[in-house]
C-alpha cells in the first residue's frame, strides 16, 4: 500500500503526485537492495522524472527521506536524483526486473495467467 503523504494542491495534478508516491516507495526499496544484487533502476521512472524536472513544489518530508534529500527538497530535486540514477544505464531495464526482487503487487499481477476474452457482455 502506498503511503501518499501529500496534500492535494492546485499546482500539481493529483495523478502526477500519486505516480511520484509510487516512485518514492520503489526508490527506497530499490536503494535497500545491496548494490551488487541491485537490478537496473526501472525504466518507467524516466517519464515522471522528466515531467517533474522543473517543479519547485516541495516534496512531503517522508518522500524527502526516501529520496535521501533534505527536508524541504522539491520535486525537481527528486527528479534530478532519479535522472542521476538512470543516467548511467546503457540499456533500459526490462519491466519487472526490479519488482521480481521484492514483494510487489505489480509482480503478483504479472504472474496471473492470461484470461480469454468474454465479449458476451457486449451484444453485436
N, C-alpha and C. Protein backbone atom coordinates (compact mmCIF):
# COMPACT_ATOMS: atom_id res chain seq x y z
N UNK A 1 0.84 -1.18 0.00
CA UNK A 1 0.00 0.00 0.00
C UNK A 1 0.88 1.23 0.00
N UNK A 2 0.59 2.16 -0.87
CA UNK A 2 1.35 3.39 -0.93
C UNK A 2 0.94 4.31 0.19
N UNK A 3 1.92 4.96 0.78
CA UNK A 3 1.62 5.98 1.76
C UNK A 3 1.83 7.30 1.05
N UNK A 4 0.76 7.91 0.61
CA UNK A 4 0.88 9.07 -0.27
C UNK A 4 1.59 10.23 0.39
N UNK A 5 1.20 10.62 1.59
CA UNK A 5 1.91 11.65 2.30
C UNK A 5 1.86 13.01 1.65
N UNK A 6 0.83 13.33 0.88
CA UNK A 6 0.77 14.65 0.26
C UNK A 6 -0.59 15.28 0.46
N UNK A 7 -0.60 16.58 0.45
CA UNK A 7 -1.84 17.35 0.49
C UNK A 7 -2.18 17.71 -0.95
N UNK A 8 -3.42 17.58 -1.30
CA UNK A 8 -3.84 17.97 -2.64
C UNK A 8 -3.66 19.48 -2.78
N UNK A 9 -3.11 19.92 -3.88
CA UNK A 9 -2.92 21.34 -4.12
C UNK A 9 -3.20 21.67 -5.56
N UNK A 10 -3.42 22.94 -5.84
CA UNK A 10 -3.79 23.32 -7.20
C UNK A 10 -2.63 23.29 -8.18
N UNK A 11 -1.41 23.26 -7.71
CA UNK A 11 -0.27 23.40 -8.61
C UNK A 11 0.11 22.12 -9.35
N UNK A 12 -0.21 20.97 -8.81
CA UNK A 12 0.15 19.71 -9.46
C UNK A 12 -1.07 18.83 -9.62
N UNK A 13 -1.11 18.11 -10.70
CA UNK A 13 -2.20 17.18 -10.93
C UNK A 13 -2.09 16.03 -9.93
N UNK A 14 -3.20 15.63 -9.30
CA UNK A 14 -3.15 14.55 -8.31
C UNK A 14 -2.55 13.25 -8.88
N UNK A 15 -2.79 12.95 -10.14
CA UNK A 15 -2.24 11.73 -10.72
C UNK A 15 -0.72 11.78 -10.78
N UNK A 16 -0.16 12.96 -11.04
CA UNK A 16 1.30 13.10 -11.06
C UNK A 16 1.88 12.86 -9.67
N UNK A 17 1.19 13.35 -8.66
CA UNK A 17 1.67 13.13 -7.28
C UNK A 17 1.55 11.65 -6.90
N UNK A 18 0.46 11.02 -7.30
CA UNK A 18 0.29 9.60 -6.99
C UNK A 18 1.39 8.77 -7.66
N UNK A 19 1.69 9.10 -8.89
CA UNK A 19 2.76 8.40 -9.60
C UNK A 19 4.10 8.61 -8.90
N UNK A 20 4.35 9.83 -8.44
CA UNK A 20 5.60 10.10 -7.74
C UNK A 20 5.63 9.41 -6.37
N UNK A 21 4.47 9.23 -5.74
CA UNK A 21 4.40 8.49 -4.48
C UNK A 21 4.88 7.06 -4.70
N UNK A 22 4.43 6.46 -5.79
CA UNK A 22 4.85 5.09 -6.11
C UNK A 22 6.36 5.05 -6.34
N UNK A 23 6.88 6.03 -7.06
CA UNK A 23 8.31 6.06 -7.32
C UNK A 23 9.09 6.22 -6.01
N UNK A 24 8.61 7.08 -5.12
CA UNK A 24 9.30 7.28 -3.84
C UNK A 24 9.41 5.97 -3.08
N UNK A 25 8.31 5.21 -3.05
CA UNK A 25 8.33 3.91 -2.36
C UNK A 25 9.28 2.94 -3.06
N UNK A 26 9.19 2.87 -4.39
CA UNK A 26 10.07 1.96 -5.13
C UNK A 26 11.53 2.35 -5.00
N UNK A 27 11.81 3.65 -5.04
CA UNK A 27 13.19 4.12 -4.94
C UNK A 27 13.80 3.69 -3.60
N UNK A 28 13.04 3.85 -2.52
CA UNK A 28 13.54 3.44 -1.20
C UNK A 28 13.81 1.94 -1.15
N UNK A 29 12.89 1.14 -1.72
CA UNK A 29 13.09 -0.32 -1.73
C UNK A 29 14.25 -0.71 -2.65
N UNK A 30 14.39 0.00 -3.77
CA UNK A 30 15.48 -0.27 -4.71
C UNK A 30 16.83 0.01 -4.05
N UNK A 31 16.92 1.15 -3.35
CA UNK A 31 18.18 1.51 -2.68
C UNK A 31 18.51 0.55 -1.54
N UNK A 32 17.50 -0.11 -0.97
CA UNK A 32 17.73 -1.05 0.14
C UNK A 32 18.36 -2.36 -0.33
N UNK A 33 18.31 -2.64 -1.62
CA UNK A 33 18.93 -3.85 -2.15
C UNK A 33 20.44 -3.61 -2.25
N UNK A 34 21.22 -4.56 -1.77
CA UNK A 34 22.68 -4.42 -1.82
C UNK A 34 23.11 -4.15 -3.27
N UNK A 35 24.02 -3.22 -3.44
CA UNK A 35 24.39 -2.78 -4.78
C UNK A 35 24.80 -3.92 -5.73
N UNK A 36 25.56 -4.92 -5.26
CA UNK A 36 25.91 -6.00 -6.21
C UNK A 36 24.70 -6.77 -6.75
N UNK A 37 23.62 -6.86 -5.95
CA UNK A 37 22.43 -7.58 -6.39
C UNK A 37 21.36 -6.65 -6.98
N UNK A 38 21.56 -5.36 -6.87
CA UNK A 38 20.55 -4.39 -7.30
C UNK A 38 20.39 -4.41 -8.81
N UNK A 39 19.15 -4.57 -9.30
CA UNK A 39 18.91 -4.53 -10.75
C UNK A 39 19.00 -3.09 -11.24
N UNK A 40 19.00 -2.90 -12.55
CA UNK A 40 18.95 -1.52 -13.05
C UNK A 40 17.68 -0.83 -12.55
N UNK A 41 17.76 0.47 -12.40
CA UNK A 41 16.58 1.23 -11.98
C UNK A 41 15.47 1.04 -13.01
N UNK A 42 14.23 0.98 -12.57
CA UNK A 42 13.13 0.78 -13.51
C UNK A 42 13.06 1.89 -14.56
N UNK A 43 12.99 1.51 -15.80
CA UNK A 43 12.97 2.48 -16.89
C UNK A 43 11.73 3.37 -16.84
N UNK A 44 10.65 2.91 -16.23
CA UNK A 44 9.43 3.71 -16.19
C UNK A 44 9.63 4.98 -15.36
N UNK A 45 10.71 5.07 -14.55
CA UNK A 45 10.98 6.28 -13.77
C UNK A 45 11.35 7.46 -14.67
N UNK A 46 11.85 7.19 -15.88
CA UNK A 46 12.31 8.27 -16.77
C UNK A 46 11.23 9.30 -17.02
N UNK A 47 10.05 8.87 -17.45
CA UNK A 47 8.98 9.81 -17.80
C UNK A 47 8.62 10.73 -16.66
N UNK A 48 8.25 10.19 -15.49
CA UNK A 48 7.92 11.06 -14.37
C UNK A 48 9.10 11.95 -13.93
N UNK A 49 10.31 11.42 -14.01
CA UNK A 49 11.48 12.23 -13.64
C UNK A 49 11.60 13.46 -14.53
N UNK A 50 11.38 13.29 -15.82
CA UNK A 50 11.47 14.44 -16.72
C UNK A 50 10.26 15.37 -16.58
N UNK A 51 9.09 14.81 -16.32
CA UNK A 51 7.90 15.65 -16.14
C UNK A 51 8.04 16.57 -14.93
N UNK A 52 8.74 16.14 -13.90
CA UNK A 52 8.85 16.92 -12.66
C UNK A 52 10.15 17.74 -12.58
N UNK A 53 10.94 17.74 -13.62
CA UNK A 53 12.26 18.37 -13.54
C UNK A 53 12.23 19.86 -13.22
N UNK A 54 11.14 20.54 -13.50
CA UNK A 54 11.05 21.98 -13.23
C UNK A 54 10.02 22.32 -12.14
N UNK A 55 9.55 21.31 -11.42
CA UNK A 55 8.51 21.53 -10.41
C UNK A 55 9.13 21.91 -9.08
N UNK A 56 8.92 23.16 -8.69
CA UNK A 56 9.53 23.69 -7.48
C UNK A 56 8.76 23.35 -6.21
N UNK A 57 7.58 22.78 -6.34
CA UNK A 57 6.78 22.43 -5.17
C UNK A 57 7.56 21.50 -4.25
N UNK A 58 7.52 21.77 -2.94
CA UNK A 58 8.27 20.90 -2.01
C UNK A 58 7.66 19.50 -1.91
N UNK A 59 8.54 18.54 -1.75
CA UNK A 59 8.12 17.15 -1.51
C UNK A 59 7.63 17.02 -0.07
N UNK A 60 6.72 16.10 0.18
CA UNK A 60 6.40 15.77 1.57
C UNK A 60 7.67 15.26 2.26
N UNK A 61 7.81 15.53 3.55
CA UNK A 61 9.06 15.19 4.24
C UNK A 61 9.37 13.69 4.20
N UNK A 62 8.34 12.83 4.25
CA UNK A 62 8.62 11.39 4.20
C UNK A 62 9.17 10.98 2.83
N UNK A 63 8.81 11.69 1.78
CA UNK A 63 9.37 11.41 0.46
C UNK A 63 10.82 11.89 0.39
N UNK A 64 11.10 13.03 1.04
CA UNK A 64 12.48 13.53 1.06
C UNK A 64 13.40 12.45 1.63
N UNK A 65 12.97 11.82 2.71
CA UNK A 65 13.79 10.76 3.31
C UNK A 65 13.97 9.59 2.35
N UNK A 66 12.92 9.22 1.65
CA UNK A 66 13.01 8.10 0.71
C UNK A 66 13.99 8.38 -0.43
N UNK A 67 14.02 9.64 -0.87
CA UNK A 67 14.95 10.03 -1.93
C UNK A 67 16.32 10.43 -1.39
N UNK A 68 16.47 10.38 -0.07
CA UNK A 68 17.70 10.79 0.60
C UNK A 68 18.03 12.25 0.32
N UNK A 69 17.00 13.07 0.44
CA UNK A 69 17.13 14.51 0.25
C UNK A 69 16.80 15.22 1.56
N UNK A 70 17.26 16.45 1.70
CA UNK A 70 16.97 17.24 2.89
C UNK A 70 15.49 17.61 2.92
N UNK A 71 14.95 17.76 4.13
CA UNK A 71 13.56 18.22 4.25
C UNK A 71 13.41 19.54 3.51
N UNK A 72 12.28 19.68 2.82
CA UNK A 72 12.03 20.88 2.05
C UNK A 72 12.49 20.79 0.61
N UNK A 73 13.09 19.66 0.23
CA UNK A 73 13.54 19.49 -1.16
C UNK A 73 12.32 19.51 -2.08
N UNK A 74 12.55 19.87 -3.31
CA UNK A 74 11.47 19.99 -4.28
C UNK A 74 11.32 18.73 -5.13
N UNK A 75 10.21 18.68 -5.84
CA UNK A 75 10.01 17.61 -6.82
C UNK A 75 11.14 17.66 -7.86
N UNK A 76 11.61 18.84 -8.21
CA UNK A 76 12.70 18.97 -9.17
C UNK A 76 13.98 18.32 -8.65
N UNK A 77 14.24 18.45 -7.35
CA UNK A 77 15.43 17.82 -6.77
C UNK A 77 15.30 16.29 -6.76
N UNK A 78 14.10 15.80 -6.47
CA UNK A 78 13.87 14.35 -6.53
C UNK A 78 14.02 13.87 -7.97
N UNK A 79 13.53 14.66 -8.90
CA UNK A 79 13.67 14.34 -10.32
C UNK A 79 15.14 14.22 -10.69
N UNK A 80 15.96 15.16 -10.21
CA UNK A 80 17.39 15.12 -10.50
C UNK A 80 18.03 13.85 -9.92
N UNK A 81 17.61 13.46 -8.70
CA UNK A 81 18.13 12.23 -8.09
C UNK A 81 17.77 11.01 -8.94
N UNK A 82 16.55 10.97 -9.44
CA UNK A 82 16.13 9.85 -10.29
C UNK A 82 16.92 9.85 -11.60
N UNK A 83 17.03 11.01 -12.23
CA UNK A 83 17.74 11.07 -13.51
C UNK A 83 19.20 10.70 -13.35
N UNK A 84 19.81 11.06 -12.23
CA UNK A 84 21.20 10.69 -11.98
C UNK A 84 21.33 9.17 -11.84
N UNK A 85 20.37 8.55 -11.17
CA UNK A 85 20.36 7.10 -11.00
C UNK A 85 20.23 6.39 -12.35
N UNK A 86 19.40 6.95 -13.22
CA UNK A 86 19.12 6.33 -14.51
C UNK A 86 20.17 6.64 -15.57
N UNK A 87 20.89 7.73 -15.42
CA UNK A 87 21.80 8.21 -16.46
C UNK A 87 22.91 7.23 -16.80
N UNK A 88 23.39 6.47 -15.86
CA UNK A 88 24.50 5.55 -16.11
C UNK A 88 24.09 4.24 -16.75
N UNK A 89 22.82 4.02 -16.95
CA UNK A 89 22.35 2.76 -17.51
C UNK A 89 22.45 2.79 -19.02
N UNK A 90 23.21 1.87 -19.57
CA UNK A 90 23.38 1.80 -21.02
C UNK A 90 22.19 1.14 -21.70
N UNK A 91 21.52 0.25 -20.99
CA UNK A 91 20.39 -0.49 -21.54
C UNK A 91 19.21 -0.31 -20.59
N UNK A 92 18.04 0.08 -21.10
CA UNK A 92 16.89 0.21 -20.21
C UNK A 92 16.53 -1.14 -19.59
N UNK A 93 16.05 -1.09 -18.38
CA UNK A 93 15.67 -2.33 -17.71
C UNK A 93 14.39 -2.89 -18.32
N UNK A 94 14.25 -4.19 -18.20
CA UNK A 94 13.03 -4.85 -18.63
C UNK A 94 11.96 -4.61 -17.59
N UNK A 95 10.71 -4.58 -18.00
CA UNK A 95 9.66 -4.45 -17.00
C UNK A 95 9.78 -5.57 -15.96
N UNK A 96 9.60 -5.22 -14.73
CA UNK A 96 9.59 -6.15 -13.60
C UNK A 96 10.96 -6.70 -13.22
N UNK A 97 12.06 -6.21 -13.82
CA UNK A 97 13.37 -6.63 -13.33
C UNK A 97 13.52 -6.27 -11.86
N UNK A 98 13.01 -5.09 -11.52
CA UNK A 98 13.09 -4.62 -10.14
C UNK A 98 12.10 -5.36 -9.25
N UNK A 99 10.85 -5.43 -9.67
CA UNK A 99 9.84 -5.97 -8.77
C UNK A 99 9.98 -7.46 -8.53
N UNK A 100 10.72 -8.17 -9.36
CA UNK A 100 10.88 -9.60 -9.10
C UNK A 100 11.78 -9.84 -7.89
N UNK A 101 12.55 -8.82 -7.48
CA UNK A 101 13.44 -8.98 -6.33
C UNK A 101 12.81 -8.54 -5.01
N UNK A 102 11.62 -7.97 -5.08
CA UNK A 102 10.95 -7.51 -3.86
C UNK A 102 9.50 -7.97 -3.89
N UNK A 103 8.87 -7.97 -2.74
CA UNK A 103 7.44 -8.26 -2.69
C UNK A 103 6.73 -7.08 -3.33
N UNK A 104 5.96 -7.34 -4.36
CA UNK A 104 5.33 -6.27 -5.11
C UNK A 104 3.99 -6.71 -5.64
N UNK A 105 2.99 -5.84 -5.53
CA UNK A 105 1.70 -6.16 -6.10
C UNK A 105 1.81 -6.21 -7.62
N UNK A 106 2.75 -5.45 -8.21
CA UNK A 106 2.93 -5.49 -9.66
C UNK A 106 3.35 -6.89 -10.11
N UNK A 107 4.26 -7.52 -9.37
CA UNK A 107 4.70 -8.84 -9.77
C UNK A 107 3.60 -9.87 -9.56
N UNK A 108 2.73 -9.64 -8.57
CA UNK A 108 1.60 -10.54 -8.38
C UNK A 108 0.68 -10.51 -9.59
N UNK A 109 0.43 -9.32 -10.10
CA UNK A 109 -0.43 -9.17 -11.28
C UNK A 109 0.25 -9.77 -12.50
N UNK A 110 1.53 -9.55 -12.63
CA UNK A 110 2.27 -10.06 -13.79
C UNK A 110 2.16 -11.57 -13.89
N UNK A 111 2.12 -12.26 -12.76
CA UNK A 111 2.14 -13.71 -12.77
C UNK A 111 0.76 -14.36 -12.96
N UNK A 112 -0.28 -13.55 -13.11
CA UNK A 112 -1.60 -14.12 -13.35
C UNK A 112 -1.67 -14.69 -14.76
N UNK A 113 -2.35 -15.81 -14.93
CA UNK A 113 -2.46 -16.37 -16.29
C UNK A 113 -3.35 -15.48 -17.15
N UNK A 114 -3.11 -15.49 -18.41
CA UNK A 114 -3.92 -14.74 -19.36
C UNK A 114 -5.31 -15.36 -19.41
N UNK A 115 -6.33 -14.52 -19.35
CA UNK A 115 -7.70 -14.98 -19.38
C UNK A 115 -8.30 -14.76 -20.77
N UNK A 116 -9.14 -15.70 -21.22
CA UNK A 116 -9.77 -15.48 -22.53
C UNK A 116 -10.72 -14.30 -22.46
N UNK A 117 -10.90 -13.65 -23.56
CA UNK A 117 -11.81 -12.51 -23.65
C UNK A 117 -13.25 -13.01 -23.60
N UNK A 118 -14.10 -12.31 -22.87
CA UNK A 118 -15.50 -12.65 -22.79
C UNK A 118 -16.29 -11.48 -23.35
N UNK A 119 -16.63 -11.56 -24.62
CA UNK A 119 -17.36 -10.49 -25.29
C UNK A 119 -18.87 -10.68 -25.19
N UNK A 120 -19.33 -11.67 -24.45
CA UNK A 120 -20.77 -11.93 -24.39
C UNK A 120 -21.54 -10.79 -23.71
N UNK A 121 -20.85 -9.98 -22.94
CA UNK A 121 -21.50 -8.85 -22.27
C UNK A 121 -21.82 -7.74 -23.26
N UNK A 122 -21.22 -7.79 -24.45
CA UNK A 122 -21.41 -6.74 -25.45
C UNK A 122 -22.10 -7.35 -26.68
N UNK A 123 -23.42 -7.16 -26.79
CA UNK A 123 -24.10 -7.74 -27.94
C UNK A 123 -23.63 -7.09 -29.26
N UNK A 124 -23.66 -7.88 -30.35
CA UNK A 124 -23.16 -7.34 -31.64
C UNK A 124 -24.00 -6.21 -32.17
